[in-house]
Amino acid sequence: MEATSIRWLLMEPCLSEIYTVLVKGVMNMTMDTDEERRTKRVKACAVILVNRMKWQKSTMTYGELADLVSGICETHILADRLGDDLARILDCCKAEELPALSSMVVNKETGKPGENFYNYYREIHPEKATLSNEEILAEEQPACLSCTDWQRLYDHLHIGIPAPKMK
């Protein structure tokens, strides 16, 4: 991760939350099992995305998310390797009856989530299998931006800090 990317992260208002996650063990993943590393990546993704919605109220590209998670977890993560982590977040959101937070991660060129997001969304939401990609986004992205209870996701993932208060 480039130093400029880390400087951008340090200037974000969510620094205290991300720092707390780091202190609680998201970093120093060299001795962790694959599952422990994955769990820490998922937690980092969730904290970054929820804070992005609070402070910037916008989507984030796969590349931006990969860069930030790479810096936090001190391991290089390719943008196209985030799918499993974002699917896990999608599972947690479904379990907690929250909007699909993973819908907020988009392709830089299209401004939309990748096809794997839509396929998995329909798989775990069979009642919405007939919705078009556009209908899914029209439902999920505004719901993410207006959601005020991301604490349930933090609790589900055992993130040991409070979720930011949304307005």
Foldseek 3Di string as FASTA:
>chain_A
DDPVLVVVVCPQPLNVLLVLLLVVPLEPCPPPDPVVVLLSLLLNLLQVLLSCLQRVVAAAELVSSQVSSCVSHVHRDDSVRCLVSLLVLQVLCVVVVAFRSSQSYPHPVPSGHDPSVLVSNCVVVVVCVPPDSVRSSVPRSVRSSPDQPCQSSCVSSVSPDGRDGHD
